[in-house]
Amino acid sequence: MHYLLFLLAVTLPAQDRNKAADWPSHAVTPKASIGAEYMVRSVMHPGGNVVVRDYLIVELAVYPNAREEFVLSHQHFTLRINGRKSPIFPQTPGMVAASLKYDDWEMRPNLEASGGAGNTGVILGRPRQSERFPGDPSARNRLPKPPTAPVPEDRSGLERDRAPKTKPDEIVVSAAIEEGPVSKPRRGYLYFAQKGKAESFKKVELLYSGPAGEAVISLK
């Protein structure tokens, strides 16, 4: 799986971060100040905390100066790792959500074995393909769902809590920083596709270049 989801029984209180200086890392531009925190591969959300594999995640907040308004875009930010000359651009929240929702979104190496007798056969190790839309041809040969044990009937007479849980793909979209004109503080997440062991990233910097000016924010 591409993620781990931890649902919180009690919503954790939001940290009071009313200015950029309240964040672990921050910088000042001519039109705004920016606060940021390197979350490694985690998204913290009231609906649950998601750990996303193959992405580095930054939470940030933009605080425009008084009487300043400018357009905020994901593409104004890049991530620089270990001082490399080629920075990493962020992925759209929809791309990250798709990688969580569909197991076969990215083909990964796998071991496949087959066997059988007569006209019947069994294939082991093939990843199950998810149907992206009704009649998706890529999912025609998907394996049947494994059998599940019957759910025992609730005879206690008590109404069970059937409130729907927030899905991981919905969380990453909801938590992403909103693009568009900004004149008041705005907070959210950026997602950067990057494989590898997190401990190998010794130096991580968030770069901003946009209508508010330019900044380099040292995250690690």
N, C-alpha and C. Protein backbone atom coordinates (compact mmCIF):
# COMPACT_ATOMS: atom_id res chain seq x y z
N MET A 1 0.84 -1.20 0.00
CA MET A 1 0.00 0.00 0.00
C MET A 1 0.88 1.24 0.00
N HIS A 2 0.31 2.33 -0.52
CA HIS A 2 1.07 3.57 -0.65
C HIS A 2 0.96 4.44 0.59
N TYR A 3 0.16 4.03 1.56
CA TYR A 3 -0.07 4.92 2.67
C TYR A 3 -0.37 4.13 3.93
N LEU A 4 -0.29 4.81 5.05
CA LEU A 4 -0.80 4.30 6.31
C LEU A 4 -1.75 5.35 6.83
N LEU A 5 -2.87 4.94 7.38
CA LEU A 5 -3.87 5.88 7.87
C LEU A 5 -4.11 5.63 9.34
N PHE A 6 -3.95 6.66 10.14
CA PHE A 6 -4.21 6.57 11.56
C PHE A 6 -5.39 7.49 11.88
N LEU A 7 -6.52 6.92 12.24
CA LEU A 7 -7.69 7.73 12.59
C LEU A 7 -7.63 8.07 14.07
N LEU A 8 -7.80 9.35 14.37
CA LEU A 8 -7.69 9.80 15.75
C LEU A 8 -9.06 9.76 16.41
N ALA A 9 -9.10 9.18 17.58
CA ALA A 9 -10.36 9.16 18.32
C ALA A 9 -10.73 10.55 18.81
N VAL A 10 -9.74 11.34 19.13
CA VAL A 10 -9.96 12.70 19.61
C VAL A 10 -9.16 13.64 18.72
N THR A 11 -9.79 14.70 18.24
CA THR A 11 -9.10 15.66 17.40
C THR A 11 -8.06 16.41 18.21
N LEU A 12 -6.83 16.42 17.73
CA LEU A 12 -5.77 17.12 18.43
C LEU A 12 -5.95 18.63 18.28
N PRO A 13 -5.69 19.42 19.30
CA PRO A 13 -5.83 20.86 19.19
C PRO A 13 -4.84 21.43 18.19
N ALA A 14 -5.31 22.35 17.35
CA ALA A 14 -4.44 22.98 16.35
C ALA A 14 -3.41 23.87 17.04
N GLN A 15 -2.21 23.85 16.52
CA GLN A 15 -1.17 24.69 17.09
C GLN A 15 -1.44 26.14 16.72
N ASP A 16 -1.21 27.02 17.68
CA ASP A 16 -1.39 28.45 17.42
C ASP A 16 -0.18 28.97 16.68
N ARG A 17 -0.36 29.25 15.42
CA ARG A 17 0.70 29.79 14.58
C ARG A 17 0.13 30.99 13.84
N ASN A 18 0.17 32.12 14.49
CA ASN A 18 -0.45 33.31 13.95
C ASN A 18 0.49 34.16 13.11
N LYS A 19 1.75 33.77 13.08
CA LYS A 19 2.75 34.50 12.29
C LYS A 19 3.83 33.53 11.84
N ALA A 20 4.59 33.94 10.84
CA ALA A 20 5.61 33.05 10.28
C ALA A 20 6.65 32.63 11.32
N ALA A 21 6.97 33.52 12.25
CA ALA A 21 7.99 33.22 13.26
C ALA A 21 7.56 32.09 14.20
N ASP A 22 6.27 31.74 14.22
CA ASP A 22 5.79 30.66 15.07
C ASP A 22 6.11 29.28 14.48
N TRP A 23 6.59 29.24 13.25
CA TRP A 23 6.89 27.98 12.58
C TRP A 23 8.35 27.61 12.78
N PRO A 24 8.68 26.31 12.68
CA PRO A 24 10.09 25.91 12.84
C PRO A 24 11.02 26.57 11.85
N SER A 25 10.55 26.84 10.62
CA SER A 25 11.34 27.52 9.60
C SER A 25 10.50 28.65 9.00
N HIS A 26 11.15 29.75 8.68
CA HIS A 26 10.39 30.87 8.11
C HIS A 26 11.32 31.80 7.35
N ALA A 27 10.71 32.65 6.52
CA ALA A 27 11.46 33.62 5.73
C ALA A 27 10.55 34.80 5.43
N VAL A 28 11.16 35.90 5.03
CA VAL A 28 10.42 37.13 4.74
C VAL A 28 10.69 37.54 3.29
N THR A 29 9.64 37.91 2.55
CA THR A 29 9.76 38.44 1.20
C THR A 29 9.23 39.88 1.20
N PRO A 30 9.39 40.62 0.10
CA PRO A 30 8.90 42.00 0.07
C PRO A 30 7.41 42.15 0.35
N LYS A 31 6.59 41.12 0.02
CA LYS A 31 5.14 41.26 0.17
C LYS A 31 4.52 40.31 1.19
N ALA A 32 5.31 39.42 1.77
CA ALA A 32 4.73 38.45 2.69
C ALA A 32 5.82 37.80 3.52
N SER A 33 5.39 37.07 4.52
CA SER A 33 6.29 36.19 5.28
C SER A 33 5.75 34.77 5.16
N ILE A 34 6.64 33.80 5.19
CA ILE A 34 6.28 32.40 4.96
C ILE A 34 6.81 31.54 6.09
N GLY A 35 5.94 30.75 6.68
CA GLY A 35 6.34 29.78 7.69
C GLY A 35 6.20 28.38 7.14
N ALA A 36 7.08 27.47 7.54
CA ALA A 36 7.05 26.11 7.00
C ALA A 36 7.54 25.10 8.02
N GLU A 37 7.09 23.85 7.82
CA GLU A 37 7.57 22.73 8.63
C GLU A 37 7.73 21.51 7.73
N TYR A 38 8.87 20.87 7.85
CA TYR A 38 9.18 19.66 7.08
C TYR A 38 8.50 18.48 7.76
N MET A 39 7.50 17.89 7.09
CA MET A 39 6.72 16.81 7.66
C MET A 39 7.21 15.42 7.23
N VAL A 40 8.28 15.39 6.46
CA VAL A 40 8.86 14.16 5.90
C VAL A 40 7.81 13.49 5.00
N ARG A 41 7.09 12.50 5.48
CA ARG A 41 6.09 11.83 4.64
C ARG A 41 4.70 11.82 5.28
N SER A 42 4.45 12.73 6.19
CA SER A 42 3.20 12.71 6.95
C SER A 42 2.30 13.90 6.65
N VAL A 43 1.00 13.63 6.68
CA VAL A 43 -0.03 14.67 6.60
C VAL A 43 -0.86 14.58 7.87
N MET A 44 -0.92 15.67 8.61
CA MET A 44 -1.71 15.72 9.85
C MET A 44 -3.04 16.39 9.55
N HIS A 45 -4.14 15.72 9.86
CA HIS A 45 -5.45 16.22 9.48
C HIS A 45 -6.47 15.78 10.53
N PRO A 46 -7.52 16.59 10.78
CA PRO A 46 -8.54 16.18 11.76
C PRO A 46 -9.21 14.85 11.40
N GLY A 47 -9.28 14.53 10.10
CA GLY A 47 -9.89 13.27 9.69
C GLY A 47 -8.98 12.07 9.82
N GLY A 48 -7.72 12.29 10.15
CA GLY A 48 -6.76 11.20 10.29
C GLY A 48 -5.40 11.62 9.78
N ASN A 49 -4.38 10.96 10.22
CA ASN A 49 -3.02 11.24 9.79
C ASN A 49 -2.59 10.23 8.74
N VAL A 50 -2.08 10.71 7.61
CA VAL A 50 -1.72 9.84 6.50
C VAL A 50 -0.21 9.89 6.29
N VAL A 51 0.40 8.72 6.17
CA VAL A 51 1.81 8.62 5.81
C VAL A 51 1.87 8.19 4.35
N VAL A 52 2.41 9.06 3.49
CA VAL A 52 2.42 8.81 2.04
C VAL A 52 3.81 8.38 1.60
N ARG A 53 3.90 7.22 1.00
CA ARG A 53 5.18 6.72 0.52
C ARG A 53 5.59 7.43 -0.77
N ASP A 54 6.87 7.63 -0.93
CA ASP A 54 7.46 8.20 -2.15
C ASP A 54 7.18 9.68 -2.33
N TYR A 55 6.73 10.37 -1.29
CA TYR A 55 6.54 11.82 -1.35
C TYR A 55 7.16 12.46 -0.12
N LEU A 56 7.78 13.62 -0.33
CA LEU A 56 8.21 14.46 0.79
C LEU A 56 7.17 15.57 0.93
N ILE A 57 6.82 15.86 2.17
CA ILE A 57 5.67 16.73 2.43
C ILE A 57 6.09 17.92 3.28
N VAL A 58 5.61 19.10 2.89
CA VAL A 58 5.90 20.34 3.60
C VAL A 58 4.58 21.02 3.93
N GLU A 59 4.41 21.35 5.19
CA GLU A 59 3.27 22.20 5.57
C GLU A 59 3.77 23.64 5.64
N LEU A 60 3.00 24.55 5.08
CA LEU A 60 3.43 25.93 5.10
C LEU A 60 2.25 26.85 5.29
N ALA A 61 2.56 28.09 5.67
CA ALA A 61 1.56 29.15 5.79
C ALA A 61 2.15 30.41 5.20
N VAL A 62 1.31 31.12 4.45
CA VAL A 62 1.72 32.38 3.82
C VAL A 62 0.96 33.51 4.49
N TYR A 63 1.70 34.53 4.95
CA TYR A 63 1.12 35.68 5.66
C TYR A 63 1.39 36.94 4.84
N PRO A 64 0.42 37.37 4.01
CA PRO A 64 0.64 38.59 3.22
C PRO A 64 0.79 39.81 4.11
N ASN A 65 1.60 40.76 3.68
CA ASN A 65 1.71 42.03 4.40
C ASN A 65 0.39 42.79 4.30
N ALA A 66 0.20 43.76 5.17
CA ALA A 66 -1.02 44.56 5.16
C ALA A 66 -1.21 45.22 3.79
N ARG A 67 -2.44 45.15 3.29
CA ARG A 67 -2.83 45.77 2.02
C ARG A 67 -2.10 45.17 0.82
N GLU A 68 -1.59 43.96 0.97
CA GLU A 68 -0.96 43.27 -0.15
C GLU A 68 -1.86 42.11 -0.59
N GLU A 69 -1.96 41.91 -1.89
CA GLU A 69 -2.69 40.77 -2.45
C GLU A 69 -1.93 40.26 -3.67
N PHE A 70 -1.79 38.95 -3.77
CA PHE A 70 -1.08 38.35 -4.89
C PHE A 70 -1.62 36.94 -5.10
N VAL A 71 -1.25 36.34 -6.22
CA VAL A 71 -1.71 35.00 -6.56
C VAL A 71 -0.73 33.97 -6.00
N LEU A 72 -1.28 32.95 -5.36
CA LEU A 72 -0.48 31.87 -4.78
C LEU A 72 -0.66 30.62 -5.64
N SER A 73 0.44 29.98 -6.01
CA SER A 73 0.40 28.77 -6.83
C SER A 73 1.40 27.75 -6.31
N HIS A 74 1.05 26.47 -6.46
CA HIS A 74 1.99 25.41 -6.08
C HIS A 74 3.31 25.55 -6.83
N GLN A 75 3.21 26.00 -8.08
CA GLN A 75 4.40 26.06 -8.93
C GLN A 75 5.37 27.18 -8.53
N HIS A 76 4.98 28.01 -7.58
CA HIS A 76 5.90 29.03 -7.07
C HIS A 76 6.92 28.42 -6.10
N PHE A 77 6.70 27.15 -5.70
CA PHE A 77 7.55 26.50 -4.72
C PHE A 77 8.30 25.33 -5.35
N THR A 78 9.52 25.12 -4.92
CA THR A 78 10.30 23.94 -5.30
C THR A 78 11.04 23.45 -4.06
N LEU A 79 11.52 22.22 -4.15
CA LEU A 79 12.27 21.62 -3.04
C LEU A 79 13.67 21.28 -3.53
N ARG A 80 14.66 21.65 -2.75
CA ARG A 80 16.05 21.34 -3.08
C ARG A 80 16.61 20.41 -2.01
N ILE A 81 17.16 19.29 -2.44
CA ILE A 81 17.66 18.27 -1.51
C ILE A 81 19.16 18.13 -1.65
N ASN A 82 19.83 18.17 -0.52
CA ASN A 82 21.29 17.98 -0.46
C ASN A 82 22.04 18.91 -1.40
N GLY A 83 21.49 20.11 -1.61
CA GLY A 83 22.16 21.10 -2.42
C GLY A 83 22.19 20.84 -3.91
N ARG A 84 21.37 19.92 -4.38
CA ARG A 84 21.36 19.60 -5.81
C ARG A 84 20.92 20.81 -6.64
N LYS A 85 21.47 20.89 -7.86
CA LYS A 85 21.14 22.02 -8.72
C LYS A 85 19.73 21.92 -9.30
N SER A 86 19.23 20.70 -9.48
CA SER A 86 17.91 20.51 -10.07
C SER A 86 16.87 20.40 -8.96
N PRO A 87 16.02 21.41 -8.77
CA PRO A 87 15.00 21.35 -7.72
C PRO A 87 13.84 20.46 -8.13
N ILE A 88 13.03 20.09 -7.16
CA ILE A 88 11.86 19.23 -7.38
C ILE A 88 10.61 20.09 -7.33
N PHE A 89 9.76 19.99 -8.34
CA PHE A 89 8.50 20.73 -8.36
C PHE A 89 7.41 19.92 -7.66
N PRO A 90 6.44 20.58 -7.05
CA PRO A 90 5.38 19.86 -6.34
C PRO A 90 4.42 19.17 -7.29
N GLN A 91 3.81 18.09 -6.80
CA GLN A 91 2.77 17.38 -7.54
C GLN A 91 1.41 17.94 -7.15
N THR A 92 0.45 17.85 -8.04
CA THR A 92 -0.90 18.30 -7.72
C THR A 92 -1.51 17.37 -6.67
N PRO A 93 -2.39 17.88 -5.83
CA PRO A 93 -3.05 17.00 -4.85
C PRO A 93 -3.78 15.84 -5.51
N GLY A 94 -4.34 16.08 -6.71
CA GLY A 94 -5.04 15.01 -7.41
C GLY A 94 -4.11 13.86 -7.77
N MET A 95 -2.88 14.17 -8.16
CA MET A 95 -1.91 13.12 -8.49
C MET A 95 -1.57 12.29 -7.25
N VAL A 96 -1.39 12.98 -6.13
CA VAL A 96 -1.07 12.27 -4.88
C VAL A 96 -2.26 11.41 -4.46
N ALA A 97 -3.47 11.95 -4.60
CA ALA A 97 -4.67 11.20 -4.24
C ALA A 97 -4.81 9.95 -5.10
N ALA A 98 -4.51 10.07 -6.39
CA ALA A 98 -4.61 8.91 -7.29
C ALA A 98 -3.63 7.82 -6.90
N SER A 99 -2.43 8.21 -6.46
CA SER A 99 -1.44 7.21 -6.05
C SER A 99 -1.89 6.46 -4.81
N LEU A 100 -2.75 7.06 -4.00
CA LEU A 100 -3.28 6.40 -2.81
C LEU A 100 -4.49 5.54 -3.15
N LYS A 101 -5.30 6.02 -4.07
CA LYS A 101 -6.58 5.36 -4.37
C LYS A 101 -6.42 4.13 -5.23
N TYR A 102 -5.47 4.17 -6.18
CA TYR A 102 -5.32 3.07 -7.12
C TYR A 102 -4.01 2.33 -6.86
N ASP A 103 -4.12 1.05 -6.52
CA ASP A 103 -2.93 0.25 -6.22
C ASP A 103 -2.01 0.13 -7.42
N ASP A 104 -2.57 0.16 -8.64
CA ASP A 104 -1.76 -0.02 -9.83
C ASP A 104 -1.46 1.30 -10.53
N TRP A 105 -1.57 2.43 -9.78
CA TRP A 105 -1.28 3.73 -10.39
C TRP A 105 0.15 3.78 -10.90
N GLU A 106 1.07 3.22 -10.14
CA GLU A 106 2.47 3.14 -10.56
C GLU A 106 2.87 1.68 -10.54
N MET A 107 3.32 1.20 -11.67
CA MET A 107 3.74 -0.20 -11.75
C MET A 107 5.03 -0.41 -10.98
N ARG A 108 5.04 -1.39 -10.11
CA ARG A 108 6.21 -1.70 -9.31
C ARG A 108 6.66 -3.13 -9.62
N PRO A 109 7.95 -3.44 -9.44
CA PRO A 109 8.41 -4.82 -9.69
C PRO A 109 7.66 -5.80 -8.81
N ASN A 110 7.25 -6.92 -9.38
CA ASN A 110 6.57 -7.94 -8.58
C ASN A 110 6.88 -9.31 -9.15
N LEU A 111 6.76 -10.33 -8.31
CA LEU A 111 7.02 -11.70 -8.71
C LEU A 111 5.70 -12.36 -9.02
N GLU A 112 5.61 -12.97 -10.21
CA GLU A 112 4.36 -13.58 -10.65
C GLU A 112 4.61 -15.03 -10.99
N ALA A 113 3.79 -15.94 -10.46
CA ALA A 113 3.93 -17.37 -10.73
C ALA A 113 2.59 -17.93 -11.13
N SER A 114 2.59 -18.94 -11.99
CA SER A 114 1.33 -19.52 -12.44
C SER A 114 1.43 -21.03 -12.38
N GLY A 115 0.27 -21.67 -12.33
CA GLY A 115 0.23 -23.12 -12.31
C GLY A 115 -1.19 -23.59 -12.43
N GLY A 116 -1.39 -24.87 -12.67
CA GLY A 116 -2.75 -25.37 -12.78
C GLY A 116 -2.76 -26.75 -13.39
N ALA A 117 -3.98 -27.23 -13.58
CA ALA A 117 -4.15 -28.56 -14.17
C ALA A 117 -5.29 -28.48 -15.18
N GLY A 118 -5.11 -29.11 -16.33
CA GLY A 118 -6.14 -29.10 -17.34
C GLY A 118 -6.36 -27.71 -17.89
N ASN A 119 -7.63 -27.30 -17.92
CA ASN A 119 -7.97 -25.99 -18.45
C ASN A 119 -8.08 -24.92 -17.38
N THR A 120 -7.70 -25.26 -16.17
CA THR A 120 -7.80 -24.29 -15.09
C THR A 120 -6.41 -23.87 -14.67
N GLY A 121 -6.32 -22.69 -14.12
CA GLY A 121 -5.01 -22.20 -13.68
C GLY A 121 -5.16 -21.16 -12.59
N VAL A 122 -4.08 -20.92 -11.88
CA VAL A 122 -4.04 -19.94 -10.80
C VAL A 122 -2.82 -19.07 -10.99
N ILE A 123 -2.98 -17.77 -10.84
CA ILE A 123 -1.86 -16.83 -10.92
C ILE A 123 -1.65 -16.21 -9.56
N LEU A 124 -0.41 -16.29 -9.06
CA LEU A 124 -0.07 -15.75 -7.75
C LEU A 124 0.86 -14.57 -7.93
N GLY A 125 0.66 -13.55 -7.11
CA GLY A 125 1.58 -12.42 -7.08
C GLY A 125 1.20 -11.28 -7.98
N ARG A 126 0.14 -11.41 -8.78
CA ARG A 126 -0.25 -10.31 -9.66
C ARG A 126 -1.04 -9.28 -8.86
N PRO A 127 -0.66 -7.97 -8.90
CA PRO A 127 -1.40 -6.96 -8.14
C PRO A 127 -2.80 -6.78 -8.68
N ARG A 128 -3.75 -6.63 -7.80
CA ARG A 128 -5.13 -6.40 -8.22
C ARG A 128 -5.28 -5.02 -8.80
N GLN A 129 -5.92 -4.91 -9.97
CA GLN A 129 -6.13 -3.62 -10.61
C GLN A 129 -7.44 -3.02 -10.16
N SER A 130 -7.43 -1.73 -9.90
CA SER A 130 -8.62 -1.02 -9.47
C SER A 130 -9.32 -0.42 -10.67
N GLU A 131 -10.64 -0.46 -10.67
CA GLU A 131 -11.43 0.11 -11.75
C GLU A 131 -11.58 1.61 -11.54
N ARG A 132 -10.98 2.40 -12.44
CA ARG A 132 -11.01 3.86 -12.30
C ARG A 132 -12.37 4.43 -12.70
N PHE A 133 -13.10 3.74 -13.58
CA PHE A 133 -14.44 4.16 -14.01
C PHE A 133 -15.16 2.92 -14.50
N PRO A 134 -16.52 2.95 -14.56
CA PRO A 134 -17.27 1.77 -14.98
C PRO A 134 -16.81 1.28 -16.35
N GLY A 135 -16.48 -0.02 -16.43
CA GLY A 135 -16.04 -0.59 -17.69
C GLY A 135 -14.60 -0.34 -18.03
N ASP A 136 -13.80 0.07 -17.06
CA ASP A 136 -12.38 0.35 -17.29
C ASP A 136 -11.71 -0.89 -17.89
N PRO A 137 -11.22 -0.83 -19.16
CA PRO A 137 -10.63 -2.03 -19.77
C PRO A 137 -9.39 -2.53 -19.07
N SER A 138 -8.65 -1.63 -18.37
CA SER A 138 -7.43 -2.07 -17.69
C SER A 138 -7.73 -2.96 -16.50
N ALA A 139 -8.99 -3.01 -16.09
CA ALA A 139 -9.36 -3.80 -14.91
C ALA A 139 -10.15 -5.04 -15.28
N ARG A 140 -10.23 -5.39 -16.57
CA ARG A 140 -11.04 -6.53 -16.99
C ARG A 140 -10.53 -7.84 -16.44
N ASN A 141 -9.20 -7.94 -16.32
CA ASN A 141 -8.61 -9.20 -15.88
C ASN A 141 -8.26 -9.20 -14.40
N ARG A 142 -8.88 -8.31 -13.66
CA ARG A 142 -8.54 -8.25 -12.24
C ARG A 142 -9.02 -9.49 -11.53
N LEU A 143 -8.39 -9.82 -10.45
CA LEU A 143 -8.74 -11.00 -9.68
C LEU A 143 -10.02 -10.77 -8.90
N PRO A 144 -10.79 -11.83 -8.61
CA PRO A 144 -11.99 -11.65 -7.79
C PRO A 144 -11.61 -11.30 -6.37
N LYS A 145 -12.51 -10.63 -5.69
CA LYS A 145 -12.27 -10.26 -4.30
C LYS A 145 -12.15 -11.51 -3.45
N PRO A 146 -11.24 -11.51 -2.47
CA PRO A 146 -11.11 -12.68 -1.60
C PRO A 146 -12.36 -12.84 -0.76
N PRO A 147 -12.71 -14.09 -0.42
CA PRO A 147 -13.90 -14.30 0.41
C PRO A 147 -13.73 -13.68 1.78
N THR A 148 -14.82 -13.19 2.29
CA THR A 148 -14.80 -12.58 3.61
C THR A 148 -15.76 -13.30 4.53
N ALA A 149 -15.46 -13.28 5.80
CA ALA A 149 -16.34 -13.91 6.78
C ALA A 149 -17.61 -13.10 6.92
N PRO A 150 -18.75 -13.76 7.10
CA PRO A 150 -20.01 -13.02 7.27
C PRO A 150 -19.97 -12.14 8.51
N VAL A 151 -20.58 -10.98 8.40
CA VAL A 151 -20.64 -10.06 9.53
C VAL A 151 -21.74 -10.50 10.47
N PRO A 152 -21.42 -10.76 11.74
CA PRO A 152 -22.46 -11.21 12.67
C PRO A 152 -23.52 -10.15 12.87
N GLU A 153 -24.75 -10.61 12.96
CA GLU A 153 -25.86 -9.69 13.16
C GLU A 153 -25.79 -9.06 14.54
N ASP A 154 -26.04 -7.76 14.59
CA ASP A 154 -26.00 -7.05 15.86
C ASP A 154 -27.32 -7.24 16.58
N ARG A 155 -27.30 -8.02 17.64
CA ARG A 155 -28.52 -8.30 18.40
C ARG A 155 -28.57 -7.52 19.71
N SER A 156 -27.64 -6.58 19.87
CA SER A 156 -27.61 -5.84 21.13
C SER A 156 -28.71 -4.81 21.23
N GLY A 157 -29.31 -4.46 20.07
CA GLY A 157 -30.34 -3.43 20.09
C GLY A 157 -29.79 -2.03 20.09
N LEU A 158 -28.46 -1.89 20.09
CA LEU A 158 -27.83 -0.58 20.08
C LEU A 158 -27.44 -0.21 18.67
N GLU A 159 -27.62 1.05 18.33
CA GLU A 159 -27.25 1.55 17.01
C GLU A 159 -25.73 1.67 16.94
N ARG A 160 -25.11 1.00 15.96
CA ARG A 160 -23.67 1.09 15.81
C ARG A 160 -23.28 2.42 15.17
N ASP A 161 -22.10 2.87 15.49
CA ASP A 161 -21.57 4.10 14.91
C ASP A 161 -21.16 3.81 13.47
N ARG A 162 -21.95 4.32 12.54
CA ARG A 162 -21.68 4.07 11.13
C ARG A 162 -21.22 5.33 10.42
N ALA A 163 -20.67 6.26 11.15
CA ALA A 163 -20.18 7.50 10.52
C ALA A 163 -19.04 7.15 9.57
N PRO A 164 -19.11 7.65 8.33
CA PRO A 164 -18.05 7.33 7.35
C PRO A 164 -16.70 7.90 7.77
N LYS A 165 -15.64 7.12 7.51
CA LYS A 165 -14.29 7.57 7.80
C LYS A 165 -13.76 8.36 6.61
N THR A 166 -12.94 9.36 6.89
CA THR A 166 -12.34 10.14 5.82
C THR A 166 -11.29 9.29 5.12
N LYS A 167 -11.38 9.20 3.79
CA LYS A 167 -10.46 8.38 3.02
C LYS A 167 -9.12 9.10 2.87
N PRO A 168 -8.03 8.35 2.79
CA PRO A 168 -6.70 8.97 2.65
C PRO A 168 -6.58 9.88 1.44
N ASP A 169 -7.15 9.47 0.29
CA ASP A 169 -7.05 10.32 -0.90
C ASP A 169 -7.82 11.62 -0.72
N GLU A 170 -8.90 11.59 0.04
CA GLU A 170 -9.66 12.81 0.31
C GLU A 170 -8.90 13.72 1.27
N ILE A 171 -8.16 13.11 2.19
CA ILE A 171 -7.40 13.90 3.16
C ILE A 171 -6.31 14.71 2.48
N VAL A 172 -5.55 14.08 1.57
CA VAL A 172 -4.44 14.81 0.95
C VAL A 172 -4.94 15.97 0.08
N VAL A 173 -6.11 15.81 -0.52
CA VAL A 173 -6.69 16.90 -1.32
C VAL A 173 -7.19 18.01 -0.42
N SER A 174 -7.89 17.63 0.65
CA SER A 174 -8.43 18.63 1.57
C SER A 174 -7.33 19.40 2.29
N ALA A 175 -6.20 18.74 2.58
CA ALA A 175 -5.13 19.38 3.35
C ALA A 175 -4.22 20.25 2.49
N ALA A 176 -4.25 20.10 1.18
CA ALA A 176 -3.35 20.86 0.30
C ALA A 176 -3.63 22.35 0.39
N ILE A 177 -2.58 23.15 0.26
CA ILE A 177 -2.76 24.60 0.30
C ILE A 177 -3.53 25.05 -0.93
N GLU A 178 -4.46 25.94 -0.74
CA GLU A 178 -5.34 26.39 -1.81
C GLU A 178 -4.62 27.42 -2.69
N GLU A 179 -4.76 27.25 -3.98
CA GLU A 179 -4.18 28.20 -4.93
C GLU A 179 -5.16 29.33 -5.22
N GLY A 180 -4.60 30.45 -5.73
CA GLY A 180 -5.45 31.57 -6.10
C GLY A 180 -5.05 32.85 -5.39
N PRO A 181 -5.81 33.93 -5.60
CA PRO A 181 -5.51 35.21 -4.95
C PRO A 181 -5.52 35.07 -3.43
N VAL A 182 -4.56 35.69 -2.78
CA VAL A 182 -4.46 35.62 -1.33
C VAL A 182 -4.16 37.00 -0.76
N SER A 183 -4.92 37.39 0.24
CA SER A 183 -4.70 38.66 0.94
C SER A 183 -4.71 38.46 2.45
N LYS A 184 -5.06 37.24 2.89
CA LYS A 184 -5.08 36.88 4.30
C LYS A 184 -4.25 35.62 4.49
N PRO A 185 -3.85 35.31 5.72
CA PRO A 185 -3.03 34.12 5.95
C PRO A 185 -3.67 32.85 5.38
N ARG A 186 -2.85 32.02 4.79
CA ARG A 186 -3.33 30.77 4.19
C ARG A 186 -2.36 29.66 4.54
N ARG A 187 -2.92 28.50 4.86
CA ARG A 187 -2.12 27.38 5.36
C ARG A 187 -2.49 26.09 4.65
N GLY A 188 -1.52 25.23 4.40
CA GLY A 188 -1.79 23.95 3.76
C GLY A 188 -0.52 23.18 3.45
N TYR A 189 -0.67 22.10 2.68
CA TYR A 189 0.44 21.19 2.40
C TYR A 189 0.88 21.24 0.94
N LEU A 190 2.16 20.96 0.73
CA LEU A 190 2.74 20.75 -0.60
C LEU A 190 3.32 19.35 -0.65
N TYR A 191 3.23 18.70 -1.83
CA TYR A 191 3.67 17.32 -1.98
C TYR A 191 4.73 17.23 -3.09
N PHE A 192 5.88 16.67 -2.75
CA PHE A 192 6.98 16.55 -3.70
C PHE A 192 7.33 15.08 -3.89
N ALA A 193 7.25 14.60 -5.12
CA ALA A 193 7.55 13.20 -5.39
C ALA A 193 9.05 12.95 -5.22
N GLN A 194 9.40 12.07 -4.31
CA GLN A 194 10.81 11.77 -4.03
C GLN A 194 10.91 10.43 -3.32
N LYS A 195 11.51 9.45 -4.01
CA LYS A 195 11.72 8.14 -3.40
C LYS A 195 13.01 8.14 -2.60
N GLY A 196 13.22 7.07 -1.87
CA GLY A 196 14.44 6.93 -1.10
C GLY A 196 14.20 7.00 0.39
N LYS A 197 15.23 6.66 1.14
CA LYS A 197 15.14 6.70 2.59
C LYS A 197 15.23 8.15 3.07
N ALA A 198 14.31 8.54 3.93
CA ALA A 198 14.25 9.92 4.39
C ALA A 198 15.54 10.35 5.09
N GLU A 199 16.21 9.40 5.75
CA GLU A 199 17.43 9.77 6.47
C GLU A 199 18.58 10.13 5.52
N SER A 200 18.44 9.79 4.24
CA SER A 200 19.49 10.13 3.28
C SER A 200 19.39 11.59 2.82
N PHE A 201 18.30 12.26 3.16
CA PHE A 201 18.14 13.65 2.79
C PHE A 201 18.68 14.53 3.93
N LYS A 202 19.96 14.82 3.86
CA LYS A 202 20.63 15.54 4.95
C LYS A 202 20.27 17.02 4.99
N LYS A 203 20.02 17.60 3.82
CA LYS A 203 19.71 19.03 3.73
C LYS A 203 18.48 19.21 2.84
N VAL A 204 17.46 19.84 3.38
CA VAL A 204 16.21 20.04 2.63
C VAL A 204 15.84 21.52 2.70
N GLU A 205 15.64 22.12 1.52
CA GLU A 205 15.31 23.55 1.45
C GLU A 205 14.06 23.76 0.60
N LEU A 206 13.20 24.66 1.04
CA LEU A 206 12.01 25.06 0.29
C LEU A 206 12.29 26.40 -0.37
N LEU A 207 12.15 26.46 -1.68
CA LEU A 207 12.42 27.68 -2.42
C LEU A 207 11.10 28.30 -2.90
N TYR A 208 10.98 29.61 -2.73
CA TYR A 208 9.80 30.32 -3.25
C TYR A 208 10.26 31.38 -4.24
N SER A 209 9.57 31.44 -5.38
CA SER A 209 9.82 32.47 -6.37
C SER A 209 8.48 32.78 -7.05
N GLY A 210 7.91 33.93 -6.71
CA GLY A 210 6.59 34.27 -7.21
C GLY A 210 6.28 35.74 -7.06
N PRO A 211 5.01 36.11 -7.14
CA PRO A 211 4.60 37.51 -7.08
C PRO A 211 5.01 38.22 -5.79
N ALA A 212 5.17 37.45 -4.69
CA ALA A 212 5.52 38.07 -3.41
C ALA A 212 7.02 38.28 -3.25
N GLY A 213 7.82 37.79 -4.19
CA GLY A 213 9.27 37.94 -4.10
C GLY A 213 9.96 36.60 -4.19
N GLU A 214 11.09 36.46 -3.52
CA GLU A 214 11.85 35.21 -3.52
C GLU A 214 12.34 34.90 -2.11
N ALA A 215 12.47 33.61 -1.82
CA ALA A 215 12.96 33.21 -0.49
C ALA A 215 13.50 31.80 -0.55
N VAL A 216 14.46 31.50 0.31
CA VAL A 216 14.98 30.16 0.52
C VAL A 216 14.78 29.83 1.99
N ILE A 217 14.01 28.78 2.25
CA ILE A 217 13.68 28.40 3.63
C ILE A 217 14.36 27.07 3.94
N SER A 218 15.26 27.08 4.90
CA SER A 218 15.95 25.87 5.30
C SER A 218 15.04 25.04 6.21
N LEU A 219 14.67 23.84 5.75
CA LEU A 219 13.77 22.97 6.50
C LEU A 219 14.53 21.95 7.36
N LYS A 220 15.70 21.57 6.87
CA LYS A 220 16.50 20.56 7.59
C LYS A 220 17.97 20.78 7.26
